[in-house]
Structure formats: C-alpha cells, structure tokens
Amino acid sequence: MNGKDETKSGKIRTEAEIRAERLAKTLRDNLQRRKQQARARRAGAADETTGLPGGNPAAKKDESDG
C-alpha cells in the first residue's frame, strides 16, 4: 500500500482515513452482535431465584433488634 487510495468519486483517502473507516465498521458490527446477544438472552424465561434468600426482603432480619 502506498498510503493513499482513490475512491469512485476521485477523492483520495489517506491510510489513516481508511483505517478509521475500517475500525468504525468493526465497532458497528460488534455493537450489532452484542445487541443481538442481549435480545437473545431476554427472549428466554426469567431466571428462578431459588436457593439463598438474599433477594427476599421479608427473609432479612435486622440484627440490631437482638
């Protein structure tokens, strides 16, 4: 590569501009993939909260009463 690239419109792009565009596309693709993964996780049933009573306020006891 000589550091410059000519587009269809005749505009010359520098190597830095080409790299910036490539990185921007990569970031957009990554964001879309992450959004799709988040949507796929939400599509499932909600997780069951069995086991420890940590999330249940009624199960908590104030130890200062004691």
PDB file of N, CA and C in Angstrom:
ATOM      1  N   MET A   1       0.841  -1.183   0.000  1.00  0.00           N
ATOM      2  CA  MET A   1       0.000   0.000   0.000  1.00  0.00           C
ATOM      3  C   MET A   1       0.880   1.238   0.000  1.00  0.00           C
ATOM      4  N   ASN A   2       0.493   2.232  -0.742  1.00  0.00           N
ATOM      5  CA  ASN A   2       1.286   3.447  -0.806  1.00  0.00           C
ATOM      6  C   ASN A   2       0.801   4.512   0.166  1.00  0.00           C
ATOM      7  N   GLY A   3      -0.195   4.193   0.977  1.00  0.00           N
ATOM      8  CA  GLY A   3      -0.685   5.148   1.965  1.00  0.00           C
ATOM      9  C   GLY A   3      -1.870   5.963   1.489  1.00  0.00           C
ATOM     10  N   LYS A   4      -2.196   5.838   0.175  1.00  0.00           N
ATOM     11  CA  LYS A   4      -3.328   6.590  -0.356  1.00  0.00           C
ATOM     12  C   LYS A   4      -4.167   5.670  -1.220  1.00  0.00           C
ATOM     13  N   ASP A   5      -5.464   5.940  -1.273  1.00  0.00           N
ATOM     14  CA  ASP A   5      -6.391   5.122  -2.043  1.00  0.00           C
ATOM     15  C   ASP A   5      -7.384   6.063  -2.706  1.00  0.00           C
ATOM     16  N   GLU A   6      -7.691   5.813  -3.978  1.00  0.00           N
ATOM     17  CA  GLU A   6      -8.629   6.671  -4.682  1.00  0.00           C
ATOM     18  C   GLU A   6     -10.000   6.017  -4.709  1.00  0.00           C
ATOM     19  N   THR A   7     -11.031   6.769  -4.333  1.00  0.00           N
ATOM     20  CA  THR A   7     -12.391   6.248  -4.314  1.00  0.00           C
ATOM     21  C   THR A   7     -13.036   6.416  -5.683  1.00  0.00           C
ATOM     22  N   LYS A   8     -14.272   5.964  -5.820  1.00  0.00           N
ATOM     23  CA  LYS A   8     -15.001   6.072  -7.081  1.00  0.00           C
ATOM     24  C   LYS A   8     -15.214   7.529  -7.479  1.00  0.00           C
ATOM     25  N   SER A   9     -15.366   8.399  -6.506  1.00  0.00           N
ATOM     26  CA  SER A   9     -15.605   9.808  -6.800  1.00  0.00           C
ATOM     27  C   SER A   9     -14.313  10.558  -7.100  1.00  0.00           C
ATOM     28  N   GLY A  10     -13.173   9.875  -7.053  1.00  0.00           N
ATOM     29  CA  GLY A  10     -11.908  10.513  -7.355  1.00  0.00           C
ATOM     30  C   GLY A  10     -11.248  11.144  -6.146  1.00  0.00           C
ATOM     31  N   LYS A  11     -11.892  11.071  -5.011  1.00  0.00           N
ATOM     32  CA  LYS A  11     -11.339  11.653  -3.788  1.00  0.00           C
ATOM     33  C   LYS A  11     -10.249  10.727  -3.246  1.00  0.00           C
ATOM     34  N   ILE A  12      -9.145  11.281  -2.851  1.00  0.00           N
ATOM     35  CA  ILE A  12      -8.042  10.481  -2.331  1.00  0.00           C
ATOM     36  C   ILE A  12      -8.157  10.396  -0.815  1.00  0.00           C
ATOM     37  N   ARG A  13      -8.099   9.147  -0.315  1.00  0.00           N
ATOM     38  CA  ARG A  13      -8.175   8.913   1.126  1.00  0.00           C
ATOM     39  C   ARG A  13      -6.800   8.500   1.623  1.00  0.00           C
ATOM     40  N   THR A  14      -6.463   8.974   2.789  1.00  0.00           N
ATOM     41  CA  THR A  14      -5.187   8.586   3.375  1.00  0.00           C
ATOM     42  C   THR A  14      -5.330   7.243   4.072  1.00  0.00           C
ATOM     43  N   GLU A  15      -4.206   6.652   4.408  1.00  0.00           N
ATOM     44  CA  GLU A  15      -4.215   5.367   5.097  1.00  0.00           C
ATOM     45  C   GLU A  15      -4.895   5.489   6.457  1.00  0.00           C
ATOM     46  N   ALA A  16      -4.738   6.622   7.122  1.00  0.00           N
ATOM     47  CA  ALA A  16      -5.378   6.842   8.422  1.00  0.00           C
ATOM     48  C   ALA A  16      -6.900   6.883   8.279  1.00  0.00           C
ATOM     49  N   GLU A  17      -7.395   7.511   7.214  1.00  0.00           N
ATOM     50  CA  GLU A  17      -8.842   7.565   6.990  1.00  0.00           C
ATOM     51  C   GLU A  17      -9.399   6.181   6.687  1.00  0.00           C
ATOM     52  N   ILE A  18      -8.660   5.419   5.896  1.00  0.00           N
ATOM     53  CA  ILE A  18      -9.089   4.055   5.572  1.00  0.00           C
ATOM     54  C   ILE A  18      -9.154   3.224   6.843  1.00  0.00           C
ATOM     55  N   ARG A  19      -8.135   3.351   7.688  1.00  0.00           N
ATOM     56  CA  ARG A  19      -8.089   2.600   8.948  1.00  0.00           C
ATOM     57  C   ARG A  19      -9.239   3.018   9.863  1.00  0.00           C
ATOM     58  N   ALA A  20      -9.511   4.332   9.934  1.00  0.00           N
ATOM     59  CA  ALA A  20     -10.594   4.825  10.784  1.00  0.00           C
ATOM     60  C   ALA A  20     -11.939   4.281  10.313  1.00  0.00           C
ATOM     61  N   GLU A  21     -12.150   4.246   9.001  1.00  0.00           N
ATOM     62  CA  GLU A  21     -13.402   3.702   8.472  1.00  0.00           C
ATOM     63  C   GLU A  21     -13.522   2.210   8.774  1.00  0.00           C
ATOM     64  N   ARG A  22     -12.418   1.484   8.628  1.00  0.00           N
ATOM     65  CA  ARG A  22     -12.426   0.047   8.912  1.00  0.00           C
ATOM     66  C   ARG A  22     -12.726  -0.208  10.387  1.00  0.00           C
ATOM     67  N   LEU A  23     -12.115   0.587  11.277  1.00  0.00           N
ATOM     68  CA  LEU A  23     -12.368   0.433  12.709  1.00  0.00           C
ATOM     69  C   LEU A  23     -13.804   0.794  13.064  1.00  0.00           C
ATOM     70  N   ALA A  24     -14.342   1.833  12.429  1.00  0.00           N
ATOM     71  CA  ALA A  24     -15.727   2.226  12.686  1.00  0.00           C
ATOM     72  C   ALA A  24     -16.683   1.107  12.274  1.00  0.00           C
ATOM     73  N   LYS A  25     -16.414   0.482  11.130  1.00  0.00           N
ATOM     74  CA  LYS A  25     -17.257  -0.629  10.682  1.00  0.00           C
ATOM     75  C   LYS A  25     -17.165  -1.794  11.660  1.00  0.00           C
ATOM     76  N   THR A  26     -15.966  -2.080  12.128  1.00  0.00           N
ATOM     77  CA  THR A  26     -15.781  -3.168  13.089  1.00  0.00           C
ATOM     78  C   THR A  26     -16.549  -2.889  14.376  1.00  0.00           C
ATOM     79  N   LEU A  27     -16.501  -1.649  14.848  1.00  0.00           N
ATOM     80  CA  LEU A  27     -17.232  -1.285  16.063  1.00  0.00           C
ATOM     81  C   LEU A  27     -18.738  -1.411  15.864  1.00  0.00           C
ATOM     82  N   ARG A  28     -19.234  -0.967  14.702  1.00  0.00           N
ATOM     83  CA  ARG A  28     -20.671  -1.092  14.416  1.00  0.00           C
ATOM     84  C   ARG A  28     -21.093  -2.557  14.386  1.00  0.00           C
ATOM     85  N   ASP A  29     -20.295  -3.383  13.722  1.00  0.00           N
ATOM     86  CA  ASP A  29     -20.614  -4.814  13.650  1.00  0.00           C
ATOM     87  C   ASP A  29     -20.622  -5.438  15.040  1.00  0.00           C
ATOM     88  N   ASN A  30     -19.646  -5.070  15.863  1.00  0.00           N
ATOM     89  CA  ASN A  30     -19.558  -5.602  17.223  1.00  0.00           C
ATOM     90  C   ASN A  30     -20.771  -5.170  18.051  1.00  0.00           C
ATOM     91  N   LEU A  31     -21.169  -3.912  17.918  1.00  0.00           N
ATOM     92  CA  LEU A  31     -22.328  -3.416  18.656  1.00  0.00           C
ATOM     93  C   LEU A  31     -23.590  -4.169  18.245  1.00  0.00           C
ATOM     94  N   GLN A  32     -23.772  -4.375  16.941  1.00  0.00           N
ATOM     95  CA  GLN A  32     -24.939  -5.109  16.467  1.00  0.00           C
ATOM     96  C   GLN A  32     -24.946  -6.538  17.001  1.00  0.00           C
ATOM     97  N   ARG A  33     -23.778  -7.174  17.016  1.00  0.00           N
ATOM     98  CA  ARG A  33     -23.676  -8.542  17.532  1.00  0.00           C
ATOM     99  C   ARG A  33     -24.009  -8.583  19.016  1.00  0.00           C
ATOM    100  N   ARG A  34     -23.519  -7.614  19.787  1.00  0.00           N
ATOM    101  CA  ARG A  34     -23.804  -7.573  21.223  1.00  0.00           C
ATOM    102  C   ARG A  34     -25.278  -7.304  21.491  1.00  0.00           C
ATOM    103  N   LYS A  35     -25.895  -6.435  20.693  1.00  0.00           N
ATOM    104  CA  LYS A  35     -27.329  -6.176  20.845  1.00  0.00           C
ATOM    105  C   LYS A  35     -28.133  -7.439  20.558  1.00  0.00           C
ATOM    106  N   GLN A  36     -27.733  -8.164  19.516  1.00  0.00           N
ATOM    107  CA  GLN A  36     -28.431  -9.402  19.169  1.00  0.00           C
ATOM    108  C   GLN A  36     -28.297 -10.420  20.296  1.00  0.00           C
ATOM    109  N   GLN A  37     -27.114 -10.509  20.903  1.00  0.00           N
ATOM    110  CA  GLN A  37     -26.921 -11.435  22.019  1.00  0.00           C
ATOM    111  C   GLN A  37     -27.797 -11.042  23.203  1.00  0.00           C
ATOM    112  N   ALA A  38     -27.906  -9.745  23.482  1.00  0.00           N
ATOM    113  CA  ALA A  38     -28.737  -9.281  24.595  1.00  0.00           C
ATOM    114  C   ALA A  38     -30.208  -9.593  24.332  1.00  0.00           C
ATOM    115  N   ARG A  39     -30.652  -9.393  23.083  1.00  0.00           N
ATOM    116  CA  ARG A  39     -32.042  -9.715  22.746  1.00  0.00           C
ATOM    117  C   ARG A  39     -32.297 -11.212  22.887  1.00  0.00           C
ATOM    118  N   ALA A  40     -31.333 -12.024  22.517  1.00  0.00           N
ATOM    119  CA  ALA A  40     -31.492 -13.474  22.628  1.00  0.00           C
ATOM    120  C   ALA A  40     -31.592 -13.889  24.089  1.00  0.00           C
ATOM    121  N   ARG A  41     -30.828 -13.245  24.957  1.00  0.00           N
ATOM    122  CA  ARG A  41     -30.898 -13.575  26.388  1.00  0.00           C
ATOM    123  C   ARG A  41     -32.249 -13.180  26.968  1.00  0.00           C
ATOM    124  N   ARG A  42     -32.781 -12.035  26.552  1.00  0.00           N
ATOM    125  CA  ARG A  42     -34.070 -11.572  27.073  1.00  0.00           C
ATOM    126  C   ARG A  42     -35.213 -12.448  26.590  1.00  0.00           C
ATOM    127  N   ALA A  43     -35.059 -13.095  25.477  1.00  0.00           N
ATOM    128  CA  ALA A  43     -36.135 -13.895  24.897  1.00  0.00           C
ATOM    129  C   ALA A  43     -36.445 -15.122  25.745  1.00  0.00           C
ATOM    130  N   GLY A  44     -35.500 -15.568  26.557  1.00  0.00           N
ATOM    131  CA  GLY A  44     -35.713 -16.741  27.392  1.00  0.00           C
ATOM    132  C   GLY A  44     -36.543 -16.406  28.612  1.00  0.00           C
ATOM    133  N   ALA A  45     -36.897 -17.434  29.366  1.00  0.00           N
ATOM    134  CA  ALA A  45     -37.664 -17.240  30.595  1.00  0.00           C
ATOM    135  C   ALA A  45     -36.781 -16.592  31.655  1.00  0.00           C
ATOM    136  N   ALA A  46     -37.409 -15.906  32.572  1.00  0.00           N
ATOM    137  CA  ALA A  46     -36.671 -15.261  33.655  1.00  0.00           C
ATOM    138  C   ALA A  46     -36.023 -16.310  34.534  1.00  0.00           C
ATOM    139  N   ASP A  47     -34.875 -15.991  35.077  1.00  0.00           N
ATOM    140  CA  ASP A  47     -34.170 -16.925  35.949  1.00  0.00           C
ATOM    141  C   ASP A  47     -34.931 -17.114  37.250  1.00  0.00           C
ATOM    142  N   GLU A  48     -34.927 -18.332  37.724  1.00  0.00           N
ATOM    143  CA  GLU A  48     -35.538 -18.649  39.015  1.00  0.00           C
ATOM    144  C   GLU A  48     -34.579 -18.232  40.124  1.00  0.00           C
ATOM    145  N   THR A  49     -35.113 -17.679  41.194  1.00  0.00           N
ATOM    146  CA  THR A  49     -34.279 -17.258  42.316  1.00  0.00           C
ATOM    147  C   THR A  49     -34.466 -18.223  43.473  1.00  0.00           C
ATOM    148  N   THR A  50     -34.061 -19.451  43.264  1.00  0.00           N
ATOM    149  CA  THR A  50     -34.137 -20.441  44.330  1.00  0.00           C
ATOM    150  C   THR A  50     -32.785 -20.527  45.007  1.00  0.00           C
ATOM    151  N   GLY A  51     -32.792 -20.910  46.245  1.00  0.00           N
ATOM    152  CA  GLY A  51     -31.521 -21.037  46.951  1.00  0.00           C
ATOM    153  C   GLY A  51     -31.430 -20.028  48.071  1.00  0.00           C
ATOM    154  N   LEU A  52     -30.472 -19.153  47.999  1.00  0.00           N
ATOM    155  CA  LEU A  52     -30.241 -18.183  49.064  1.00  0.00           C
ATOM    156  C   LEU A  52     -31.352 -17.146  49.130  1.00  0.00           C
ATOM    157  N   PRO A  53     -31.768 -16.749  50.335  1.00  0.00           N
ATOM    158  CA  PRO A  53     -32.847 -15.771  50.475  1.00  0.00           C
ATOM    159  C   PRO A  53     -32.356 -14.328  50.357  1.00  0.00           C
ATOM    160  N   GLY A  54     -31.211 -14.088  49.774  1.00  0.00           N
ATOM    161  CA  GLY A  54     -30.624 -12.749  49.710  1.00  0.00           C
ATOM    162  C   GLY A  54     -31.492 -11.731  49.001  1.00  0.00           C
ATOM    163  N   GLY A  55     -32.265 -12.136  48.025  1.00  0.00           N
ATOM    164  CA  GLY A  55     -33.080 -11.199  47.280  1.00  0.00           C
ATOM    165  C   GLY A  55     -34.454 -10.971  47.879  1.00  0.00           C
ATOM    166  N   ASN A  56     -34.797 -11.668  48.944  1.00  0.00           N
ATOM    167  CA  ASN A  56     -36.120 -11.574  49.535  1.00  0.00           C
ATOM    168  C   ASN A  56     -36.069 -10.664  50.762  1.00  0.00           C
ATOM    169  N   PRO A  57     -36.644  -9.446  50.716  1.00  0.00           N
ATOM    170  CA  PRO A  57     -36.580  -8.530  51.854  1.00  0.00           C
ATOM    171  C   PRO A  57     -37.277  -9.076  53.101  1.00  0.00           C
ATOM    172  N   ALA A  58     -38.297  -9.923  52.926  1.00  0.00           N
ATOM    173  CA  ALA A  58     -39.010 -10.467  54.080  1.00  0.00           C
ATOM    174  C   ALA A  58     -38.137 -11.452  54.849  1.00  0.00           C
ATOM    175  N   ALA A  59     -37.193 -12.061  54.184  1.00  0.00           N
ATOM    176  CA  ALA A  59     -36.334 -13.052  54.829  1.00  0.00           C
ATOM    177  C   ALA A  59     -35.205 -12.401  55.627  1.00  0.00           C
ATOM    178  N   LYS A  60     -34.971 -11.125  55.399  1.00  0.00           N
ATOM    179  CA  LYS A  60     -33.891 -10.447  56.107  1.00  0.00           C
ATOM    180  C   LYS A  60     -34.349 -10.057  57.508  1.00  0.00           C
ATOM    181  N   LYS A  61     -33.457 -10.167  58.448  1.00  0.00           N
ATOM    182  CA  LYS A  61     -33.767  -9.831  59.830  1.00  0.00           C
ATOM    183  C   LYS A  61     -32.763  -8.788  60.295  1.00  0.00           C
ATOM    184  N   ASP A  62     -33.240  -7.784  60.951  1.00  0.00           N
ATOM    185  CA  ASP A  62     -32.362  -6.749  61.476  1.00  0.00           C
ATOM    186  C   ASP A  62     -31.660  -7.292  62.714  1.00  0.00           C
ATOM    187  N   GLU A  63     -30.359  -7.414  62.657  1.00  0.00           N
ATOM    188  CA  GLU A  63     -29.598  -7.998  63.756  1.00  0.00           C
ATOM    189  C   GLU A  63     -29.464  -7.058  64.950  1.00  0.00           C
ATOM    190  N   SER A  64     -29.797  -5.797  64.788  1.00  0.00           N
ATOM    191  CA  SER A  64     -29.677  -4.850  65.900  1.00  0.00           C
ATOM    192  C   SER A  64     -30.828  -4.995  66.897  1.00  0.00           C
ATOM    193  N   ASP A  65     -31.899  -5.721  66.532  1.00  0.00           N
ATOM    194  CA  ASP A  65     -33.038  -5.917  67.427  1.00  0.00           C
ATOM    195  C   ASP A  65     -32.712  -6.915  68.532  1.00  0.00           C
ATOM    196  N   GLY A  66     -31.733  -7.688  68.330  1.00  0.00           N
ATOM    197  CA  GLY A  66     -31.459  -8.667  69.128  1.00  0.00           C
ATOM    198  C   GLY A  66     -31.048  -9.309  70.216  1.00  0.00           C
TER     199      GLY A  66
END
